[in-house]
Amino acid sequence: QVQVVESGGDLVQPGGSLRLSCTASGITFRLSDLGWYRQAPGKQRDLVATITKRHSTIYADSAKGRFTISRDNAENTVYLQMNTLKPEDTAIYYCQASLLNRDYWGQGTQVTVSS
């Protein structure tokens, strides 16, 4: 059974930083494409960043220059380093693992940016 678990969400002041982590088990992690998405209240779930099994990355325009996605295949973990956080970054952040045309999601971790 595939399990995807996010962690690291918190309340942070504008301009602050957070690092989110996501571990995936029950899946061949090194062959998986991974992504971070977020969903703010009343809005759809949007892409934040993805990283392929070959370590190619894609970022949403809102994340470029502030967020960095990375992966550690030895630890079955994908990270999202978020810097210069803004109130509009407030959302539930979800991790997705994709392999063989199947997507697996975690339960999400809350990020709140507020003074």
PDB file of N, CA and C in Angstrom:
ATOM      1  N   GLN A   1       0.836  -1.182   0.000  1.00  0.00           N
ATOM      2  CA  GLN A   1       0.000   0.000   0.000  1.00  0.00           C
ATOM      3  C   GLN A   1       0.881   1.246   0.000  1.00  0.00           C
ATOM      4  N   VAL A   2       0.557   2.170  -0.893  1.00  0.00           N
ATOM      5  CA  VAL A   2       1.340   3.394  -0.988  1.00  0.00           C
ATOM      6  C   VAL A   2       0.860   4.394   0.065  1.00  0.00           C
ATOM      7  N   GLN A   3       1.811   4.958   0.772  1.00  0.00           N
ATOM      8  CA  GLN A   3       1.507   6.002   1.743  1.00  0.00           C
ATOM      9  C   GLN A   3       2.355   7.224   1.446  1.00  0.00           C
ATOM     10  N   VAL A   4       1.694   8.375   1.439  1.00  0.00           N
ATOM     11  CA  VAL A   4       2.362   9.652   1.206  1.00  0.00           C
ATOM     12  C   VAL A   4       2.055  10.542   2.402  1.00  0.00           C
ATOM     13  N   VAL A   5       3.085  11.032   3.055  1.00  0.00           N
ATOM     14  CA  VAL A   5       2.886  11.793   4.289  1.00  0.00           C
ATOM     15  C   VAL A   5       3.693  13.085   4.242  1.00  0.00           C
ATOM     16  N   GLU A   6       2.982  14.194   4.369  1.00  0.00           N
ATOM     17  CA  GLU A   6       3.625  15.506   4.393  1.00  0.00           C
ATOM     18  C   GLU A   6       3.858  15.965   5.826  1.00  0.00           C
ATOM     19  N   SER A   7       4.836  16.829   6.002  1.00  0.00           N
ATOM     20  CA  SER A   7       5.092  17.445   7.301  1.00  0.00           C
ATOM     21  C   SER A   7       5.800  18.773   7.100  1.00  0.00           C
ATOM     22  N   GLY A   8       5.836  19.576   8.160  1.00  0.00           N
ATOM     23  CA  GLY A   8       6.587  20.820   8.123  1.00  0.00           C
ATOM     24  C   GLY A   8       5.750  22.078   8.048  1.00  0.00           C
ATOM     25  N   GLY A   9       4.446  21.933   7.858  1.00  0.00           N
ATOM     26  CA  GLY A   9       3.600  23.121   7.811  1.00  0.00           C
ATOM     27  C   GLY A   9       3.560  23.816   9.166  1.00  0.00           C
ATOM     28  N   ASP A  10       3.349  25.130   9.102  1.00  0.00           N
ATOM     29  CA  ASP A  10       3.386  25.905  10.355  1.00  0.00           C
ATOM     30  C   ASP A  10       2.829  27.296  10.103  1.00  0.00           C
ATOM     31  N   LEU A  11       2.718  28.053  11.167  1.00  0.00           N
ATOM     32  CA  LEU A  11       2.397  29.477  11.090  1.00  0.00           C
ATOM     33  C   LEU A  11       3.708  30.240  11.023  1.00  0.00           C
ATOM     34  N   VAL A  12       3.859  31.099  10.033  1.00  0.00           N
ATOM     35  CA  VAL A  12       5.100  31.842   9.846  1.00  0.00           C
ATOM     36  C   VAL A  12       4.761  33.276   9.461  1.00  0.00           C
ATOM     37  N   GLN A  13       5.629  34.183   9.837  1.00  0.00           N
ATOM     38  CA  GLN A  13       5.407  35.588   9.502  1.00  0.00           C
ATOM     39  C   GLN A  13       5.776  35.865   8.051  1.00  0.00           C
ATOM     40  N   PRO A  14       5.175  36.880   7.459  1.00  0.00           N
ATOM     41  CA  PRO A  14       5.567  37.269   6.095  1.00  0.00           C
ATOM     42  C   PRO A  14       7.080  37.519   6.029  1.00  0.00           C
ATOM     43  N   GLY A  15       7.684  37.026   4.953  1.00  0.00           N
ATOM     44  CA  GLY A  15       9.123  37.129   4.782  1.00  0.00           C
ATOM     45  C   GLY A  15       9.895  35.963   5.357  1.00  0.00           C
ATOM     46  N   GLY A  16       9.216  35.103   6.080  1.00  0.00           N
ATOM     47  CA  GLY A  16       9.865  33.959   6.699  1.00  0.00           C
ATOM     48  C   GLY A  16      10.043  32.790   5.745  1.00  0.00           C
ATOM     49  N   SER A  17      10.582  31.705   6.295  1.00  0.00           N
ATOM     50  CA  SER A  17      10.878  30.510   5.506  1.00  0.00           C
ATOM     51  C   SER A  17      10.310  29.274   6.183  1.00  0.00           C
ATOM     52  N   LEU A  18      10.035  28.275   5.371  1.00  0.00           N
ATOM     53  CA  LEU A  18       9.625  26.957   5.853  1.00  0.00           C
ATOM     54  C   LEU A  18      10.176  25.918   4.899  1.00  0.00           C
ATOM     55  N   ARG A  19      10.424  24.734   5.442  1.00  0.00           N
ATOM     56  CA  ARG A  19      10.753  23.602   4.591  1.00  0.00           C
ATOM     57  C   ARG A  19       9.738  22.501   4.834  1.00  0.00           C
ATOM     58  N   LEU A  20       9.035  22.141   3.783  1.00  0.00           N
ATOM     59  CA  LEU A  20       8.100  21.026   3.842  1.00  0.00           C
ATOM     60  C   LEU A  20       8.798  19.753   3.416  1.00  0.00           C
ATOM     61  N   SER A  21       8.387  18.650   4.039  1.00  0.00           N
ATOM     62  CA  SER A  21       8.922  17.336   3.700  1.00  0.00           C
ATOM     63  C   SER A  21       7.771  16.406   3.356  1.00  0.00           C
ATOM     64  N   CYS A  22       8.063  15.454   2.497  1.00  0.00           N
ATOM     65  CA  CYS A  22       7.080  14.444   2.123  1.00  0.00           C
ATOM     66  C   CYS A  22       7.785  13.119   1.922  1.00  0.00           C
ATOM     67  N   THR A  23       7.348  12.117   2.648  1.00  0.00           N
ATOM     68  CA  THR A  23       7.903  10.791   2.461  1.00  0.00           C
ATOM     69  C   THR A  23       6.856   9.900   1.797  1.00  0.00           C
ATOM     70  N   ALA A  24       7.318   9.037   0.918  1.00  0.00           N
ATOM     71  CA  ALA A  24       6.434   8.101   0.231  1.00  0.00           C
ATOM     72  C   ALA A  24       6.962   6.694   0.439  1.00  0.00           C
ATOM     73  N   SER A  25       6.081   5.799   0.852  1.00  0.00           N
ATOM     74  CA  SER A  25       6.458   4.412   1.053  1.00  0.00           C
ATOM     75  C   SER A  25       5.538   3.530   0.234  1.00  0.00           C
ATOM     76  N   GLY A  26       6.007   2.314  -0.015  1.00  0.00           N
ATOM     77  CA  GLY A  26       5.214   1.376  -0.805  1.00  0.00           C
ATOM     78  C   GLY A  26       5.255   1.656  -2.294  1.00  0.00           C
ATOM     79  N   ILE A  27       6.221   2.450  -2.711  1.00  0.00           N
ATOM     80  CA  ILE A  27       6.357   2.843  -4.110  1.00  0.00           C
ATOM     81  C   ILE A  27       7.851   2.878  -4.441  1.00  0.00           C
ATOM     82  N   THR A  28       8.175   2.601  -5.690  1.00  0.00           N
ATOM     83  CA  THR A  28       9.579   2.701  -6.102  1.00  0.00           C
ATOM     84  C   THR A  28       9.902   4.182  -6.253  1.00  0.00           C
ATOM     85  N   PHE A  29      10.402   4.763  -5.188  1.00  0.00           N
ATOM     86  CA  PHE A  29      10.519   6.208  -5.094  1.00  0.00           C
ATOM     87  C   PHE A  29      11.411   6.789  -6.178  1.00  0.00           C
ATOM     88  N   ARG A  30      12.528   6.125  -6.441  1.00  0.00           N
ATOM     89  CA  ARG A  30      13.511   6.699  -7.373  1.00  0.00           C
ATOM     90  C   ARG A  30      12.968   6.769  -8.796  1.00  0.00           C
ATOM     91  N   LEU A  31      11.921   5.995  -9.099  1.00  0.00           N
ATOM     92  CA  LEU A  31      11.319   6.008 -10.432  1.00  0.00           C
ATOM     93  C   LEU A  31      10.088   6.909 -10.501  1.00  0.00           C
ATOM     94  N   SER A  32       9.752   7.512  -9.390  1.00  0.00           N
ATOM     95  CA  SER A  32       8.520   8.308  -9.315  1.00  0.00           C
ATOM     96  C   SER A  32       8.776   9.768  -9.642  1.00  0.00           C
ATOM     97  N   ASP A  33       7.797  10.374 -10.264  1.00  0.00           N
ATOM     98  CA  ASP A  33       7.768  11.825 -10.391  1.00  0.00           C
ATOM     99  C   ASP A  33       7.014  12.369  -9.178  1.00  0.00           C
ATOM    100  N   LEU A  34       7.463  13.505  -8.687  1.00  0.00           N
ATOM    101  CA  LEU A  34       6.935  14.032  -7.428  1.00  0.00           C
ATOM    102  C   LEU A  34       6.521  15.485  -7.597  1.00  0.00           C
ATOM    103  N   GLY A  35       5.547  15.885  -6.818  1.00  0.00           N
ATOM    104  CA  GLY A  35       5.101  17.264  -6.933  1.00  0.00           C
ATOM    105  C   GLY A  35       4.503  17.797  -5.652  1.00  0.00           C
ATOM    106  N   TRP A  36       4.552  19.100  -5.539  1.00  0.00           N
ATOM    107  CA  TRP A  36       3.861  19.825  -4.476  1.00  0.00           C
ATOM    108  C   TRP A  36       2.757  20.672  -5.106  1.00  0.00           C
ATOM    109  N   TYR A  37       1.590  20.593  -4.489  1.00  0.00           N
ATOM    110  CA  TYR A  37       0.441  21.377  -4.900  1.00  0.00           C
ATOM    111  C   TYR A  37      -0.104  22.089  -3.661  1.00  0.00           C
ATOM    112  N   ARG A  38      -0.926  23.094  -3.895  1.00  0.00           N
ATOM    113  CA  ARG A  38      -1.529  23.761  -2.743  1.00  0.00           C
ATOM    114  C   ARG A  38      -2.956  24.164  -3.057  1.00  0.00           C
ATOM    115  N   GLN A  39      -3.732  24.254  -1.980  1.00  0.00           N
ATOM    116  CA  GLN A  39      -5.129  24.631  -2.122  1.00  0.00           C
ATOM    117  C   GLN A  39      -5.493  25.609  -1.013  1.00  0.00           C
ATOM    118  N   ALA A  40      -5.835  26.809  -1.424  1.00  0.00           N
ATOM    119  CA  ALA A  40      -6.288  27.825  -0.485  1.00  0.00           C
ATOM    120  C   ALA A  40      -7.801  27.686  -0.301  1.00  0.00           C
ATOM    121  N   PRO A  41      -8.342  28.186   0.795  1.00  0.00           N
ATOM    122  CA  PRO A  41      -9.785  28.085   1.024  1.00  0.00           C
ATOM    123  C   PRO A  41     -10.587  28.664  -0.125  1.00  0.00           C
ATOM    124  N   GLY A  42     -11.540  27.884  -0.616  1.00  0.00           N
ATOM    125  CA  GLY A  42     -12.416  28.347  -1.683  1.00  0.00           C
ATOM    126  C   GLY A  42     -11.807  28.352  -3.069  1.00  0.00           C
ATOM    127  N   LYS A  43     -10.590  27.799  -3.168  1.00  0.00           N
ATOM    128  CA  LYS A  43      -9.906  27.791  -4.474  1.00  0.00           C
ATOM    129  C   LYS A  43      -9.567  26.374  -4.882  1.00  0.00           C
ATOM    130  N   GLN A  44      -9.209  26.222  -6.144  1.00  0.00           N
ATOM    131  CA  GLN A  44      -8.826  24.911  -6.637  1.00  0.00           C
ATOM    132  C   GLN A  44      -7.400  24.585  -6.213  1.00  0.00           C
ATOM    133  N   ARG A  45      -7.077  23.314  -6.326  1.00  0.00           N
ATOM    134  CA  ARG A  45      -5.724  22.870  -6.020  1.00  0.00           C
ATOM    135  C   ARG A  45      -4.817  23.200  -7.205  1.00  0.00           C
ATOM    136  N   ASP A  46      -3.723  23.872  -6.922  1.00  0.00           N
ATOM    137  CA  ASP A  46      -2.816  24.335  -7.976  1.00  0.00           C
ATOM    138  C   ASP A  46      -1.421  23.748  -7.807  1.00  0.00           C
ATOM    139  N   LEU A  47      -0.761  23.602  -8.933  1.00  0.00           N
ATOM    140  CA  LEU A  47       0.628  23.151  -8.938  1.00  0.00           C
ATOM    141  C   LEU A  47       1.531  24.202  -8.297  1.00  0.00           C
ATOM    142  N   VAL A  48       2.465  23.744  -7.479  1.00  0.00           N
ATOM    143  CA  VAL A  48       3.511  24.620  -6.950  1.00  0.00           C
ATOM    144  C   VAL A  48       4.842  24.306  -7.630  1.00  0.00           C
ATOM    145  N   ALA A  49       5.219  23.026  -7.600  1.00  0.00           N
ATOM    146  CA  ALA A  49       6.485  22.611  -8.198  1.00  0.00           C
ATOM    147  C   ALA A  49       6.482  21.104  -8.388  1.00  0.00           C
ATOM    148  N   THR A  50       7.201  20.652  -9.409  1.00  0.00           N
ATOM    149  CA  THR A  50       7.367  19.224  -9.628  1.00  0.00           C
ATOM    150  C   THR A  50       8.828  18.903  -9.877  1.00  0.00           C
ATOM    151  N   ILE A  51       9.178  17.653  -9.607  1.00  0.00           N
ATOM    152  CA  ILE A  51      10.520  17.167  -9.890  1.00  0.00           C
ATOM    153  C   ILE A  51      10.386  15.744 -10.422  1.00  0.00           C
ATOM    154  N   THR A  52      10.994  15.500 -11.576  1.00  0.00           N
ATOM    155  CA  THR A  52      10.870  14.190 -12.186  1.00  0.00           C
ATOM    156  C   THR A  52      11.899  13.222 -11.609  1.00  0.00           C
ATOM    157  N   LYS A  53      11.805  11.960 -12.043  1.00  0.00           N
ATOM    158  CA  LYS A  53      12.767  10.962 -11.600  1.00  0.00           C
ATOM    159  C   LYS A  53      14.171  11.310 -12.070  1.00  0.00           C
ATOM    160  N   ARG A  54      14.249  12.119 -13.127  1.00  0.00           N
ATOM    161  CA  ARG A  54      15.562  12.574 -13.621  1.00  0.00           C
ATOM    162  C   ARG A  54      15.960  13.921 -13.024  1.00  0.00           C
ATOM    163  N   HIS A  55      15.200  14.380 -12.050  1.00  0.00           N
ATOM    164  CA  HIS A  55      15.500  15.602 -11.314  1.00  0.00           C
ATOM    165  C   HIS A  55      15.258  16.871 -12.115  1.00  0.00           C
ATOM    166  N   SER A  56      14.463  16.772 -13.169  1.00  0.00           N
ATOM    167  CA  SER A  56      14.031  17.979 -13.864  1.00  0.00           C
ATOM    168  C   SER A  56      12.928  18.639 -13.048  1.00  0.00           C
ATOM    169  N   THR A  57      12.949  19.958 -12.996  1.00  0.00           N
ATOM    170  CA  THR A  57      11.981  20.672 -12.156  1.00  0.00           C
ATOM    171  C   THR A  57      11.139  21.650 -12.969  1.00  0.00           C
ATOM    172  N   ILE A  58       9.940  21.865 -12.479  1.00  0.00           N
ATOM    173  CA  ILE A  58       9.027  22.863 -13.022  1.00  0.00           C
ATOM    174  C   ILE A  58       8.434  23.617 -11.837  1.00  0.00           C
ATOM    175  N   TYR A  59       8.299  24.931 -11.993  1.00  0.00           N
ATOM    176  CA  TYR A  59       7.734  25.757 -10.930  1.00  0.00           C
ATOM    177  C   TYR A  59       6.578  26.601 -11.463  1.00  0.00           C
ATOM    178  N   ALA A  60       5.575  26.785 -10.614  1.00  0.00           N
ATOM    179  CA  ALA A  60       4.554  27.778 -10.916  1.00  0.00           C
ATOM    180  C   ALA A  60       5.196  29.161 -10.881  1.00  0.00           C
ATOM    181  N   ASP A  61       4.615  30.087 -11.635  1.00  0.00           N
ATOM    182  CA  ASP A  61       5.175  31.437 -11.654  1.00  0.00           C
ATOM    183  C   ASP A  61       5.251  32.026 -10.247  1.00  0.00           C
ATOM    184  N   SER A  62       4.270  31.710  -9.424  1.00  0.00           N
ATOM    185  CA  SER A  62       4.227  32.259  -8.065  1.00  0.00           C
ATOM    186  C   SER A  62       5.347  31.713  -7.180  1.00  0.00           C
ATOM    187  N   ALA A  63       5.935  30.581  -7.581  1.00  0.00           N
ATOM    188  CA  ALA A  63       6.975  29.944  -6.781  1.00  0.00           C
ATOM    189  C   ALA A  63       8.390  30.239  -7.283  1.00  0.00           C
ATOM    190  N   LYS A  64       8.499  30.665  -8.508  1.00  0.00           N
ATOM    191  CA  LYS A  64       9.827  30.883  -9.101  1.00  0.00           C
ATOM    192  C   LYS A  64      10.615  31.924  -8.319  1.00  0.00           C
ATOM    193  N   GLY A  65      11.861  31.567  -8.010  1.00  0.00           N
ATOM    194  CA  GLY A  65      12.740  32.483  -7.300  1.00  0.00           C
ATOM    195  C   GLY A  65      12.590  32.471  -5.794  1.00  0.00           C
ATOM    196  N   ARG A  66      11.529  31.831  -5.299  1.00  0.00           N
ATOM    197  CA  ARG A  66      11.312  31.782  -3.845  1.00  0.00           C
ATOM    198  C   ARG A  66      11.301  30.363  -3.299  1.00  0.00           C
ATOM    199  N   PHE A  67      10.798  29.419  -4.081  1.00  0.00           N
ATOM    200  CA  PHE A  67      10.660  28.033  -3.629  1.00  0.00           C
ATOM    201  C   PHE A  67      11.643  27.146  -4.380  1.00  0.00           C
ATOM    202  N   THR A  68      12.092  26.091  -3.710  1.00  0.00           N
ATOM    203  CA  THR A  68      12.975  25.115  -4.326  1.00  0.00           C
ATOM    204  C   THR A  68      12.496  23.716  -3.968  1.00  0.00           C
ATOM    205  N   ILE A  69      12.264  22.901  -4.990  1.00  0.00           N
ATOM    206  CA  ILE A  69      11.899  21.497  -4.775  1.00  0.00           C
ATOM    207  C   ILE A  69      13.147  20.650  -4.949  1.00  0.00           C
ATOM    208  N   SER A  70      13.282  19.648  -4.088  1.00  0.00           N
ATOM    209  CA  SER A  70      14.420  18.734  -4.186  1.00  0.00           C
ATOM    210  C   SER A  70      13.981  17.366  -3.689  1.00  0.00           C
ATOM    211  N   ARG A  71      14.792  16.369  -3.983  1.00  0.00           N
ATOM    212  CA  ARG A  71      14.440  15.017  -3.565  1.00  0.00           C
ATOM    213  C   ARG A  71      15.672  14.288  -3.067  1.00  0.00           C
ATOM    214  N   ASP A  72      15.436  13.366  -2.149  1.00  0.00           N
ATOM    215  CA  ASP A  72      16.484  12.497  -1.621  1.00  0.00           C
ATOM    216  C   ASP A  72      15.982  11.071  -1.781  1.00  0.00           C
ATOM    217  N   ASN A  73      16.433  10.416  -2.811  1.00  0.00           N
ATOM    218  CA  ASN A  73      15.936   9.066  -3.087  1.00  0.00           C
ATOM    219  C   ASN A  73      16.343   8.077  -2.003  1.00  0.00           C
ATOM    220  N   ALA A  74      17.458   8.319  -1.361  1.00  0.00           N
ATOM    221  CA  ALA A  74      17.901   7.418  -0.297  1.00  0.00           C
ATOM    222  C   ALA A  74      16.956   7.466   0.910  1.00  0.00           C
ATOM    223  N   GLU A  75      16.308   8.619   1.090  1.00  0.00           N
ATOM    224  CA  GLU A  75      15.394   8.801   2.219  1.00  0.00           C
ATOM    225  C   GLU A  75      13.921   8.736   1.801  1.00  0.00           C
ATOM    226  N   ASN A  76      13.664   8.485   0.511  1.00  0.00           N
ATOM    227  CA  ASN A  76      12.285   8.458  -0.008  1.00  0.00           C
ATOM    228  C   ASN A  76      11.540   9.739   0.337  1.00  0.00           C
ATOM    229  N   THR A  77      12.240  10.856   0.213  1.00  0.00           N
ATOM    230  CA  THR A  77      11.681  12.126   0.655  1.00  0.00           C
ATOM    231  C   THR A  77      11.836  13.199  -0.415  1.00  0.00           C
ATOM    232  N   VAL A  78      10.814  14.006  -0.546  1.00  0.00           N
ATOM    233  CA  VAL A  78      10.860  15.187  -1.400  1.00  0.00           C
ATOM    234  C   VAL A  78      10.626  16.405  -0.513  1.00  0.00           C
ATOM    235  N   TYR A  79      11.344  17.465  -0.812  1.00  0.00           N
ATOM    236  CA  TYR A  79      11.297  18.670   0.005  1.00  0.00           C
ATOM    237  C   TYR A  79      10.787  19.852  -0.807  1.00  0.00           C
ATOM    238  N   LEU A  80      10.231  20.811  -0.092  1.00  0.00           N
ATOM    239  CA  LEU A  80       9.901  22.096  -0.690  1.00  0.00           C
ATOM    240  C   LEU A  80      10.414  23.177   0.251  1.00  0.00           C
ATOM    241  N   GLN A  81      11.499  23.819  -0.151  1.00  0.00           N
ATOM    242  CA  GLN A  81      12.036  24.933   0.614  1.00  0.00           C
ATOM    243  C   GLN A  81      11.329  26.203   0.161  1.00  0.00           C
ATOM    244  N   MET A  82      10.707  26.877   1.088  1.00  0.00           N
ATOM    245  CA  MET A  82       9.933  28.078   0.763  1.00  0.00           C
ATOM    246  C   MET A  82      10.528  29.269   1.494  1.00  0.00           C
ATOM    247  N   ASN A  83      10.959  30.252   0.726  1.00  0.00           N
ATOM    248  CA  ASN A  83      11.549  31.468   1.283  1.00  0.00           C
ATOM    249  C   ASN A  83      10.695  32.677   0.919  1.00  0.00           C
ATOM    250  N   THR A  84      10.926  33.743   1.629  1.00  0.00           N
ATOM    251  CA  THR A  84      10.219  35.005   1.380  1.00  0.00           C
ATOM    252  C   THR A  84       8.710  34.768   1.269  1.00  0.00           C
ATOM    253  N   LEU A  85       8.175  34.100   2.262  1.00  0.00           N
ATOM    254  CA  LEU A  85       6.763  33.731   2.228  1.00  0.00           C
ATOM    255  C   LEU A  85       5.862  34.950   2.309  1.00  0.00           C
ATOM    256  N   LYS A  86       4.733  34.840   1.617  1.00  0.00           N
ATOM    257  CA  LYS A  86       3.748  35.924   1.553  1.00  0.00           C
ATOM    258  C   LYS A  86       2.408  35.420   2.091  1.00  0.00           C
ATOM    259  N   PRO A  87       1.551  36.321   2.530  1.00  0.00           N
ATOM    260  CA  PRO A  87       0.235  35.869   3.006  1.00  0.00           C
ATOM    261  C   PRO A  87      -0.527  35.050   1.958  1.00  0.00           C
ATOM    262  N   GLU A  88      -0.323  35.365   0.692  1.00  0.00           N
ATOM    263  CA  GLU A  88      -1.022  34.612  -0.358  1.00  0.00           C
ATOM    264  C   GLU A  88      -0.486  33.196  -0.551  1.00  0.00           C
ATOM    265  N   ASP A  89       0.582  32.846   0.148  1.00  0.00           N
ATOM    266  CA  ASP A  89       1.076  31.467   0.135  1.00  0.00           C
ATOM    267  C   ASP A  89       0.311  30.592   1.127  1.00  0.00           C
ATOM    268  N   THR A  90      -0.553  31.202   1.906  1.00  0.00           N
ATOM    269  CA  THR A  90      -1.343  30.438   2.870  1.00  0.00           C
ATOM    270  C   THR A  90      -2.228  29.434   2.153  1.00  0.00           C
ATOM    271  N   ALA A  91      -2.099  28.168   2.540  1.00  0.00           N
ATOM    272  CA  ALA A  91      -2.837  27.093   1.883  1.00  0.00           C
ATOM    273  C   ALA A  91      -2.509  25.779   2.573  1.00  0.00           C
ATOM    274  N   ILE A  92      -3.249  24.762   2.190  1.00  0.00           N
ATOM    275  CA  ILE A  92      -2.856  23.398   2.512  1.00  0.00           C
ATOM    276  C   ILE A  92      -1.966  22.924   1.372  1.00  0.00           C
ATOM    277  N   TYR A  93      -0.805  22.412   1.725  1.00  0.00           N
ATOM    278  CA  TYR A  93       0.163  21.942   0.733  1.00  0.00           C
ATOM    279  C   TYR A  93       0.109  20.416   0.674  1.00  0.00           C
ATOM    280  N   TYR A  94      -0.065  19.920  -0.546  1.00  0.00           N
ATOM    281  CA  TYR A  94      -0.190  18.489  -0.773  1.00  0.00           C
ATOM    282  C   TYR A  94       0.992  17.980  -1.582  1.00  0.00           C
ATOM    283  N   CYS A  95       1.392  16.775  -1.259  1.00  0.00           N
ATOM    284  CA  CYS A  95       2.450  16.092  -1.991  1.00  0.00           C
ATOM    285  C   CYS A  95       1.820  15.029  -2.887  1.00  0.00           C
ATOM    286  N   GLN A  96       2.350  14.911  -4.099  1.00  0.00           N
ATOM    287  CA  GLN A  96       1.874  13.891  -5.030  1.00  0.00           C
ATOM    288  C   GLN A  96       3.058  13.065  -5.509  1.00  0.00           C
ATOM    289  N   ALA A  97       2.856  11.756  -5.526  1.00  0.00           N
ATOM    290  CA  ALA A  97       3.825  10.835  -6.120  1.00  0.00           C
ATOM    291  C   ALA A  97       3.145  10.156  -7.298  1.00  0.00           C
ATOM    292  N   SER A  98       3.828  10.114  -8.419  1.00  0.00           N
ATOM    293  CA  SER A  98       3.255   9.534  -9.629  1.00  0.00           C
ATOM    294  C   SER A  98       4.170   8.466 -10.198  1.00  0.00           C
ATOM    295  N   LEU A  99       3.570   7.338 -10.525  1.00  0.00           N
ATOM    296  CA  LEU A  99       4.329   6.232 -11.091  1.00  0.00           C
ATOM    297  C   LEU A  99       3.384   5.391 -11.927  1.00  0.00           C
ATOM    298  N   LEU A 100       3.815   5.085 -13.153  1.00  0.00           N
ATOM    299  CA  LEU A 100       3.035   4.219 -14.049  1.00  0.00           C
ATOM    300  C   LEU A 100       1.601   4.728 -14.186  1.00  0.00           C
ATOM    301  N   ASN A 101       1.491   6.039 -14.402  1.00  0.00           N
ATOM    302  CA  ASN A 101       0.193   6.682 -14.660  1.00  0.00           C
ATOM    303  C   ASN A 101      -0.775   6.612 -13.480  1.00  0.00           C
ATOM    304  N   ARG A 102      -0.255   6.379 -12.281  1.00  0.00           N
ATOM    305  CA  ARG A 102      -1.088   6.432 -11.094  1.00  0.00           C
ATOM    306  C   ARG A 102      -0.547   7.513 -10.167  1.00  0.00           C
ATOM    307  N   ASP A 103      -1.473   8.266  -9.596  1.00  0.00           N
ATOM    308  CA  ASP A 103      -1.118   9.359  -8.699  1.00  0.00           C
ATOM    309  C   ASP A 103      -1.513   9.008  -7.275  1.00  0.00           C
ATOM    310  N   TYR A 104      -0.627   9.346  -6.364  1.00  0.00           N
ATOM    311  CA  TYR A 104      -0.869   9.097  -4.945  1.00  0.00           C
ATOM    312  C   TYR A 104      -0.694  10.417  -4.197  1.00  0.00           C
ATOM    313  N   TRP A 105      -1.652  10.704  -3.329  1.00  0.00           N
ATOM    314  CA  TRP A 105      -1.664  11.978  -2.616  1.00  0.00           C
ATOM    315  C   TRP A 105      -1.554  11.773  -1.111  1.00  0.00           C
ATOM    316  N   GLY A 106      -0.943  12.753  -0.470  1.00  0.00           N
ATOM    317  CA  GLY A 106      -0.957  12.788   0.980  1.00  0.00           C
ATOM    318  C   GLY A 106      -2.162  13.561   1.481  1.00  0.00           C
ATOM    319  N   GLN A 107      -2.226  13.693   2.797  1.00  0.00           N
ATOM    320  CA  GLN A 107      -3.357  14.366   3.438  1.00  0.00           C
ATOM    321  C   GLN A 107      -3.162  15.878   3.522  1.00  0.00           C
ATOM    322  N   GLY A 108      -1.955  16.341   3.269  1.00  0.00           N
ATOM    323  CA  GLY A 108      -1.701  17.779   3.266  1.00  0.00           C
ATOM    324  C   GLY A 108      -1.141  18.289   4.578  1.00  0.00           C
ATOM    325  N   THR A 109      -0.485  19.432   4.483  1.00  0.00           N
ATOM    326  CA  THR A 109       0.044  20.105   5.657  1.00  0.00           C
ATOM    327  C   THR A 109      -0.258  21.596   5.530  1.00  0.00           C
ATOM    328  N   GLN A 110      -0.728  22.188   6.620  1.00  0.00           N
ATOM    329  CA  GLN A 110      -1.193  23.574   6.583  1.00  0.00           C
ATOM    330  C   GLN A 110      -0.032  24.549   6.711  1.00  0.00           C
ATOM    331  N   VAL A 111       0.016  25.493   5.794  1.00  0.00           N
ATOM    332  CA  VAL A 111       0.964  26.602   5.870  1.00  0.00           C
ATOM    333  C   VAL A 111       0.161  27.888   5.993  1.00  0.00           C
ATOM    334  N   THR A 112       0.439  28.638   7.031  1.00  0.00           N
ATOM    335  CA  THR A 112      -0.242  29.908   7.249  1.00  0.00           C
ATOM    336  C   THR A 112       0.804  31.002   7.372  1.00  0.00           C
ATOM    337  N   VAL A 113       0.679  32.003   6.527  1.00  0.00           N
ATOM    338  CA  VAL A 113       1.608  33.125   6.543  1.00  0.00           C
ATOM    339  C   VAL A 113       0.838  34.351   7.023  1.00  0.00           C
ATOM    340  N   SER A 114       1.177  34.783   8.221  1.00  0.00           N
ATOM    341  CA  SER A 114       0.431  35.881   8.828  1.00  0.00           C
ATOM    342  C   SER A 114       1.266  36.522   9.919  1.00  0.00           C
ATOM    343  N   SER A 115       1.064  37.818  10.099  1.00  0.00           N
ATOM    344  CA  SER A 115       1.737  38.523  11.188  1.00  0.00           C
ATOM    345  C   SER A 115       0.840  38.560  12.424  1.00  0.00           C
TER     346      SER A 115
END
